[in-house]
């Protein structure tokens, strides 16, 4: 069998990237990434097109093969790095070493992807809005793409014969050690359009078979789902940290009153709006999938990555943030009204004393 392994990395680098002003990335002219649409689809159906570049292959090799690069920049503040390496193997078990491999110079693929992400960020530093602390932890995903299966014409029939081997490959486990329940769970999310194509989506890796050799469309759908998982995780962590600090301030009664209170409220309001806007943009990046097969692939990845649960977690914390903002705003107003009443009473008392002294 022949094919390639694609390593997908998603890095949250900023709240937003102004892609409309990007002229070059790493000294290369970027292009809007488009996938080939071979199946029927509605006319004038838009599809999100990030900016992309294809730098020269890495100087280091992976298991003797060159490593090709594809870097994409998304306006939601994400940079993705895809590393692709070809293989020729006898069995699926021969592909297990491609999980978390090292380059022949000793570096991991994570380190190589992070290096390119840092260089892209430096190239776009003036166009990054709300840049995050670097280096951000990436969301990585491995996709095994098979383009040639000698003697196989129906890949779905092939999967039925190789189901344990496929489950073992995706879970990095010897097939004979897996329970039938685990095999069924790994193979639970499958997508196929013709007898020549197949996608099996698991949590940490996927198997994509297409005997025509074109897998970029499925890889793109998986990349978008992986990107959303990274963004929702980052938002969830930020909201957790922000809410913990805010609740701690409230419990210790360190809430400022006048000038600094307004600053705290503005910061709280801005943070709430930024996160709500980002959550909406990240969700709607896949609003239009003109190819219904790709839409099904994406929905399968969304199910496997628990994106709905991650979004629900973010929305729950946003609701907590709204409630916190209301509580802080009400408490500040109450304190201000109390001090205003005290000042009025003091003025009234001073005025009364002046009148009494004037009467004497």
Protein backbone atom coordinates (compact mmCIF):
# COMPACT_ATOMS: atom_id res chain seq x y z
CA UNK A 1 0.00 0.00 0.00
CA UNK A 2 1.10 3.56 -0.67
CA UNK A 3 0.05 6.94 0.63
CA UNK A 4 1.12 9.64 3.04
CA UNK A 5 0.75 10.65 6.66
CA UNK A 6 -0.50 14.18 7.33
CA UNK A 7 0.20 15.81 10.66
CA UNK A 8 -2.21 18.66 11.39
CA UNK A 9 -1.25 21.36 13.90
CA UNK A 10 -3.50 24.25 14.94
CA UNK A 11 -1.99 27.18 16.88
CA UNK A 12 -4.05 29.91 18.51
CA UNK A 13 -1.80 32.95 18.03
CA UNK A 14 -4.15 35.96 18.33
CA UNK A 15 -7.74 37.09 18.71
CA UNK A 16 -7.75 38.03 15.04
CA UNK A 17 -5.46 38.15 12.01
CA UNK A 18 -6.15 40.88 9.46
CA UNK A 19 -5.80 38.60 6.44
CA UNK A 20 -7.02 41.28 4.01
CA UNK A 21 -3.74 43.17 4.54
CA UNK A 22 -1.42 40.16 4.25
CA UNK A 23 0.88 40.60 1.26
CA UNK A 24 3.45 37.91 1.96
CA UNK A 25 4.17 35.18 4.49
CA UNK A 26 7.74 33.96 5.02
CA UNK A 27 8.73 35.90 1.89
CA UNK A 28 6.15 34.01 -0.19
CA UNK A 29 3.01 35.28 -1.88
CA UNK A 30 0.00 33.67 -0.15
CA UNK A 31 -2.94 32.31 -2.10
CA UNK A 32 -6.57 31.60 -1.09
CA UNK A 33 -6.72 27.89 -0.41
CA UNK A 34 -9.42 26.11 -2.42
CA UNK A 35 -10.42 22.48 -2.56
CA UNK A 36 -11.49 20.67 -5.69
CA UNK A 37 -15.24 20.18 -5.99
CA UNK A 38 -15.92 17.03 -8.01
CA UNK A 39 -19.33 16.17 -6.58
CA UNK A 40 -22.60 17.96 -7.26
CA UNK A 41 -23.29 20.96 -5.08
CA UNK A 42 -25.58 24.03 -5.02
CA UNK A 43 -24.52 26.97 -7.19
CA UNK A 44 -22.89 30.01 -5.59
CA UNK A 45 -22.29 28.17 -2.31
CA UNK A 46 -19.39 29.98 -0.58
CA UNK A 47 -16.66 28.09 1.23
CA UNK A 48 -14.20 29.63 3.66
CA UNK A 49 -10.81 30.14 1.98
CA UNK A 50 -7.86 30.78 4.30
CA UNK A 51 -4.57 32.18 3.04
CA UNK A 52 -1.97 29.49 2.35
CA UNK A 53 1.66 29.04 1.41
CA UNK A 54 3.66 25.94 0.53
CA UNK A 55 7.27 26.49 1.63
CA UNK A 56 10.12 24.26 0.53
CA UNK A 57 10.27 20.81 2.19
CA UNK A 58 12.12 20.46 5.46
CA UNK A 59 15.84 19.88 5.17
CA UNK A 60 15.50 17.01 7.66
CA UNK A 61 13.74 13.83 6.58
CA UNK A 62 11.29 11.51 8.29
CA UNK A 63 12.07 7.80 7.97
CA UNK A 64 14.07 8.61 4.84
CA UNK A 65 11.30 10.54 3.09
CA UNK A 66 11.03 14.33 2.55
CA UNK A 67 8.54 16.26 4.68
CA UNK A 68 6.35 18.70 2.77
CA UNK A 69 4.72 21.76 4.32
CA UNK A 70 1.41 23.55 3.94
CA UNK A 71 0.78 26.58 6.16
CA UNK A 72 -2.63 28.26 6.37
CA UNK A 73 -3.62 31.50 8.10
CA UNK A 74 -7.17 32.01 9.37
CA UNK A 75 -8.65 35.38 10.26
CA UNK A 76 -9.98 33.97 13.56
CA UNK A 77 -6.40 34.14 14.87
CA UNK A 78 -5.22 30.64 14.04
CA UNK A 79 -2.18 29.43 12.11
CA UNK A 80 -2.23 25.80 10.96
CA UNK A 81 0.81 23.82 9.93
CA UNK A 82 0.42 20.59 7.96
CA UNK A 83 3.42 18.26 7.59
CA UNK A 84 3.06 15.50 5.00
CA UNK A 85 5.34 12.52 4.42
CA UNK A 86 4.90 9.70 1.90
CA UNK A 87 5.11 6.01 2.78
CA UNK A 88 5.08 2.56 1.20
CA UNK A 89 4.07 -0.23 3.58
CA UNK A 90 3.05 -3.86 3.50
CA UNK A 91 0.49 -3.79 6.30
CA UNK A 92 -1.33 -1.25 8.43
CA UNK A 93 0.78 -2.30 11.43
CA UNK A 94 3.84 -0.96 9.60
CA UNK A 95 2.35 2.54 9.90
CA UNK A 96 2.15 2.57 13.71
CA UNK A 97 5.70 4.04 14.06
CA UNK A 98 4.43 7.13 12.24
CA UNK A 99 2.61 8.14 15.42
CA UNK A 100 4.69 10.88 17.11
CA UNK A 101 7.89 10.20 15.12
CA UNK A 102 11.13 12.18 15.13
CA UNK A 103 12.97 13.71 12.20
CA UNK A 104 16.36 12.31 11.30
CA UNK A 105 17.98 15.33 13.03
CA UNK A 106 16.40 14.31 16.34
CA UNK A 107 13.71 17.01 16.46
CA UNK A 108 10.05 16.12 16.95
CA UNK A 109 7.41 17.18 14.45
CA UNK A 110 5.81 19.27 17.22
CA UNK A 111 9.02 21.29 17.49
CA UNK A 112 9.26 21.75 13.72
CA UNK A 113 5.63 22.88 13.48
CA UNK A 114 6.09 25.29 16.38
CA UNK A 115 9.19 26.75 14.72
CA UNK A 116 7.31 27.51 11.50
CA UNK A 117 4.37 28.94 13.44
CA UNK A 118 6.72 31.32 15.28
CA UNK A 119 8.24 32.44 11.98
CA UNK A 120 4.78 33.08 10.51
CA UNK A 121 3.80 35.13 13.57
CA UNK A 122 6.96 37.22 13.27
CA UNK A 123 6.15 37.77 9.60
CA UNK A 124 2.61 38.91 10.47
CA UNK A 125 3.25 40.62 13.80
CA UNK A 126 1.76 43.95 12.69
CA UNK A 127 -1.45 42.19 11.60
CA UNK A 128 -2.05 40.18 14.76
CA UNK A 129 -4.80 41.64 16.94
CA UNK A 130 -4.60 40.60 20.58
CA UNK A 131 -1.59 38.33 20.19
CA UNK A 132 -1.51 35.46 22.68
CA UNK A 133 1.44 34.40 24.78
CA UNK A 134 3.88 32.34 22.76
CA UNK A 135 4.52 29.50 22.34
CA UNK A 136 0.89 28.34 22.52
CA UNK A 137 0.27 24.62 23.02
CA UNK A 138 -0.84 23.22 19.64
CA UNK A 139 -3.77 20.95 18.90
CA UNK A 140 -2.26 18.09 16.88
CA UNK A 141 -4.00 15.44 14.79
CA UNK A 142 -2.62 12.61 12.63
CA UNK A 143 -4.26 11.45 9.41
CA UNK A 144 -3.16 8.30 7.58
CA UNK A 145 -4.00 8.74 3.88
CA UNK A 146 -3.92 5.68 1.61
CA UNK A 147 -4.07 6.16 -2.16
CA UNK A 148 -3.07 2.71 -3.40
CA UNK A 149 -4.34 -0.68 -2.21
CA UNK A 150 -3.21 -3.38 -4.65
CA UNK A 151 -6.06 -5.66 -5.66
CA UNK A 152 -8.72 -3.63 -3.83
CA UNK A 153 -11.61 -2.06 -5.71
CA UNK A 154 -14.09 -1.63 -2.85
CA UNK A 155 -12.50 0.05 0.18
CA UNK A 156 -15.59 -0.47 2.33
CA UNK A 157 -15.33 -4.23 1.81
CA UNK A 158 -11.60 -3.94 2.57
CA UNK A 159 -12.40 -2.18 5.83
CA UNK A 160 -14.67 -5.03 6.87
CA UNK A 161 -11.73 -7.41 6.54
CA UNK A 162 -9.22 -5.05 8.18
CA UNK A 163 -11.37 -3.57 10.93
CA UNK A 164 -9.13 -4.79 13.78
CA UNK A 165 -5.97 -3.67 12.01
CA UNK A 166 -7.49 -0.22 11.38
CA UNK A 167 -8.54 0.09 15.02
CA UNK A 168 -5.06 -0.97 16.12
CA UNK A 169 -3.44 1.62 13.85
CA UNK A 170 -5.60 4.50 15.07
CA UNK A 171 -5.18 3.59 18.76
CA UNK A 172 -1.49 2.56 18.56
CA UNK A 173 -2.41 -0.82 20.02
CA UNK A 174 -1.81 -4.39 18.94
CA UNK A 175 -5.04 -5.48 17.18
CA UNK A 176 -5.33 -8.75 19.11
CA UNK A 177 -5.34 -6.83 22.42
CA UNK A 178 -8.36 -4.70 21.55
CA UNK A 179 -11.80 -5.65 22.76
CA UNK A 180 -14.63 -5.87 20.27
CA UNK A 181 -16.30 -2.92 21.99
CA UNK A 182 -13.21 -0.76 21.47
CA UNK A 183 -12.93 -1.80 17.82
CA UNK A 184 -16.57 -0.86 17.29
CA UNK A 185 -16.03 2.50 19.00
CA UNK A 186 -12.99 3.36 16.87
CA UNK A 187 -14.91 2.51 13.69
CA UNK A 188 -18.14 4.16 14.86
CA UNK A 189 -17.69 7.29 12.76
CA UNK A 190 -17.20 6.36 9.10
CA UNK A 191 -17.89 8.39 5.98
CA UNK A 192 -17.87 7.14 2.38
CA UNK A 193 -19.21 8.55 -0.90
CA UNK A 194 -18.11 5.92 -3.43
CA UNK A 195 -16.60 2.45 -3.31
CA UNK A 196 -13.18 4.05 -3.76
CA UNK A 197 -13.17 6.41 -0.76
CA UNK A 198 -13.49 6.07 2.99
CA UNK A 199 -12.80 8.08 6.13
CA UNK A 200 -12.61 6.62 9.65
CA UNK A 201 -12.40 9.35 12.28
CA UNK A 202 -11.09 8.66 15.77
CA UNK A 203 -10.14 11.00 18.60
CA UNK A 204 -6.38 11.31 18.00
CA UNK A 205 -6.02 10.03 14.43
CA UNK A 206 -7.99 9.23 11.30
CA UNK A 207 -7.70 6.92 8.33
CA UNK A 208 -8.57 8.35 4.92
CA UNK A 209 -8.60 6.07 1.87
CA UNK A 210 -9.15 7.43 -1.64
CA UNK A 211 -8.02 5.34 -4.58
CA UNK A 212 -8.18 8.41 -6.84
CA UNK A 213 -5.36 9.92 -4.78
CA UNK A 214 -7.14 13.18 -3.87
CA UNK A 215 -7.57 13.66 -0.12
CA UNK A 216 -7.07 17.43 0.29
CA UNK A 217 -10.81 18.04 0.67
CA UNK A 218 -11.19 15.60 3.56
CA UNK A 219 -7.99 16.88 5.19
CA UNK A 220 -9.41 20.40 5.01
CA UNK A 221 -12.64 19.37 6.73
CA UNK A 222 -10.66 17.62 9.47
CA UNK A 223 -8.37 20.65 9.84
CA UNK A 224 -11.35 22.96 10.38
CA UNK A 225 -12.73 20.69 13.10
CA UNK A 226 -9.28 20.45 14.71
CA UNK A 227 -8.97 24.25 14.53
CA UNK A 228 -12.31 24.70 16.29
CA UNK A 229 -11.28 22.28 19.02
CA UNK A 230 -8.11 24.32 19.63
CA UNK A 231 -10.04 27.59 19.74
CA UNK A 232 -12.73 26.32 22.10
CA UNK A 233 -10.10 24.84 24.42
CA UNK A 234 -8.21 28.14 24.51
CA UNK A 235 -11.39 30.12 25.16
CA UNK A 236 -12.41 27.69 27.89
CA UNK A 237 -9.03 28.03 29.63
CA UNK A 238 -9.12 31.83 29.38
CA UNK A 239 -12.63 32.00 30.77
CA UNK A 240 -11.73 29.67 33.63
CA UNK A 241 -8.70 31.76 34.60
CA UNK A 242 -10.56 35.06 34.25
CA UNK A 243 -13.60 33.91 36.23
CA UNK A 244 -11.44 32.41 39.00
CA UNK A 245 -9.57 35.70 39.42
CA UNK A 246 -12.77 37.74 39.29
CA UNK A 247 -14.54 35.57 41.87
CA UNK A 248 -11.46 35.72 44.08
CA UNK A 249 -11.50 39.54 43.91
CA UNK A 250 -15.18 39.64 44.80
CA UNK A 251 -14.80 37.25 47.74
CA UNK A 252 -11.91 39.30 49.15
CA UNK A 253 -13.83 42.53 48.58
CA UNK A 254 -10.98 44.06 46.59
CA UNK A 255 -13.43 45.66 44.19
CA UNK A 256 -12.46 49.29 43.51
CA UNK A 257 -15.08 51.98 43.85
CA UNK A 258 -14.86 55.05 41.64
CA UNK A 259 -12.21 55.53 38.91
CA UNK A 260 -10.79 52.01 39.03
CA UNK A 261 -14.28 50.53 39.20
CA UNK A 262 -15.10 51.95 35.80
CA UNK A 263 -11.85 50.50 34.46
CA UNK A 264 -12.71 47.06 35.87
CA UNK A 265 -16.18 47.16 34.35
CA UNK A 266 -14.81 48.22 30.97
CA UNK A 267 -12.28 45.40 31.04
CA UNK A 268 -14.96 42.89 32.01
CA UNK A 269 -17.32 44.14 29.29
CA UNK A 270 -14.59 44.10 26.62
CA UNK A 271 -13.50 40.58 27.55
CA UNK A 272 -17.10 39.37 27.40
CA UNK A 273 -17.66 40.88 23.95
CA UNK A 274 -14.33 39.58 22.59
CA UNK A 275 -15.00 36.00 23.66
CA UNK A 276 -18.59 36.04 22.40
CA UNK A 277 -17.45 37.43 19.04
CA UNK A 278 -14.66 34.86 18.72
CA UNK A 279 -16.95 31.96 19.64
CA UNK A 280 -19.42 33.05 16.98
CA UNK A 281 -16.73 33.45 14.30
CA UNK A 282 -15.12 30.10 15.07
CA UNK A 283 -18.48 28.35 14.90
CA UNK A 284 -19.48 29.95 11.61
CA UNK A 285 -16.18 29.24 9.86
CA UNK A 286 -17.87 26.01 8.71
CA UNK A 287 -21.26 27.55 8.09
CA UNK A 288 -21.05 26.87 4.37
CA UNK A 289 -20.03 23.43 3.15
CA UNK A 290 -21.28 23.22 -0.43
CA UNK A 291 -20.14 19.61 -0.74
CA UNK A 292 -22.53 17.56 1.39
CA UNK A 293 -20.09 14.66 1.68
CA UNK A 294 -17.52 17.03 3.19
CA UNK A 295 -20.22 18.37 5.46
CA UNK A 296 -20.82 14.82 6.70
CA UNK A 297 -17.08 14.34 7.23
CA UNK A 298 -16.98 17.55 9.25
CA UNK A 299 -20.05 16.56 11.29
CA UNK A 300 -18.39 13.24 12.06
CA UNK A 301 -15.25 15.02 13.26
CA UNK A 302 -17.38 17.44 15.28
CA UNK A 303 -19.04 14.49 16.98
CA UNK A 304 -15.73 12.76 17.67
CA UNK A 305 -14.05 15.92 19.00
CA UNK A 306 -17.08 16.79 21.18
CA UNK A 307 -17.19 20.29 19.69
CA UNK A 308 -20.80 20.82 20.73
CA UNK A 309 -19.88 20.09 24.35
CA UNK A 310 -16.88 22.43 24.16
CA UNK A 311 -19.06 25.18 22.72
CA UNK A 312 -21.67 24.57 25.44
CA UNK A 313 -18.92 24.90 28.06
CA UNK A 314 -17.81 28.23 26.55
CA UNK A 315 -21.39 29.49 26.38
CA UNK A 316 -21.97 28.47 29.99
CA UNK A 317 -18.93 30.46 31.10
CA UNK A 318 -20.06 33.40 28.98
CA UNK A 319 -23.37 33.27 30.84
CA UNK A 320 -21.42 33.26 34.11
CA UNK A 321 -19.46 36.23 32.83
CA UNK A 322 -22.69 38.08 32.03
CA UNK A 323 -23.96 37.35 35.53
CA UNK A 324 -20.66 38.46 37.07
CA UNK A 325 -20.74 41.69 35.07
CA UNK A 326 -24.29 42.37 36.31
CA UNK A 327 -23.31 41.62 39.92
CA UNK A 328 -20.21 43.83 39.78
CA UNK A 329 -22.12 46.63 38.07
CA UNK A 330 -24.93 46.47 40.65
CA UNK A 331 -22.51 46.35 43.60
CA UNK A 332 -20.52 49.32 42.33
CA UNK A 333 -23.71 51.31 41.79
CA UNK A 334 -24.97 50.43 45.28
CA UNK A 335 -21.69 51.53 46.84
CA UNK A 336 -21.72 54.75 44.87
CA UNK A 337 -25.31 55.49 45.87
CA UNK A 338 -24.45 54.82 49.49
CA UNK A 339 -21.52 57.24 49.39
CA UNK A 340 -23.60 59.83 47.59
CA UNK A 341 -26.25 59.61 50.31
CA UNK A 342 -23.59 59.95 53.00
CA UNK A 343 -22.16 63.01 51.24
CA UNK A 344 -25.62 64.54 50.94
CA UNK A 345 -26.22 63.97 54.67
CA UNK A 346 -22.84 65.54 55.49
CA UNK A 347 -23.60 68.57 53.31
CA UNK A 348 -27.02 68.87 54.91
CA UNK A 349 -25.48 68.72 58.39
CA UNK A 350 -22.83 71.31 57.51
CA UNK A 351 -25.49 73.56 56.02
CA UNK A 352 -27.61 73.17 59.14
CA UNK A 353 -24.66 74.04 61.38
CA UNK A 354 -23.94 77.14 59.31
CA UNK A 355 -27.57 78.25 59.64
CA UNK A 356 -27.53 77.67 63.40
CA UNK A 357 -24.33 79.65 63.85
CA UNK A 358 -25.67 82.42 61.65
CA UNK A 359 -28.80 82.55 63.84
CA UNK A 360 -26.73 83.12 66.95
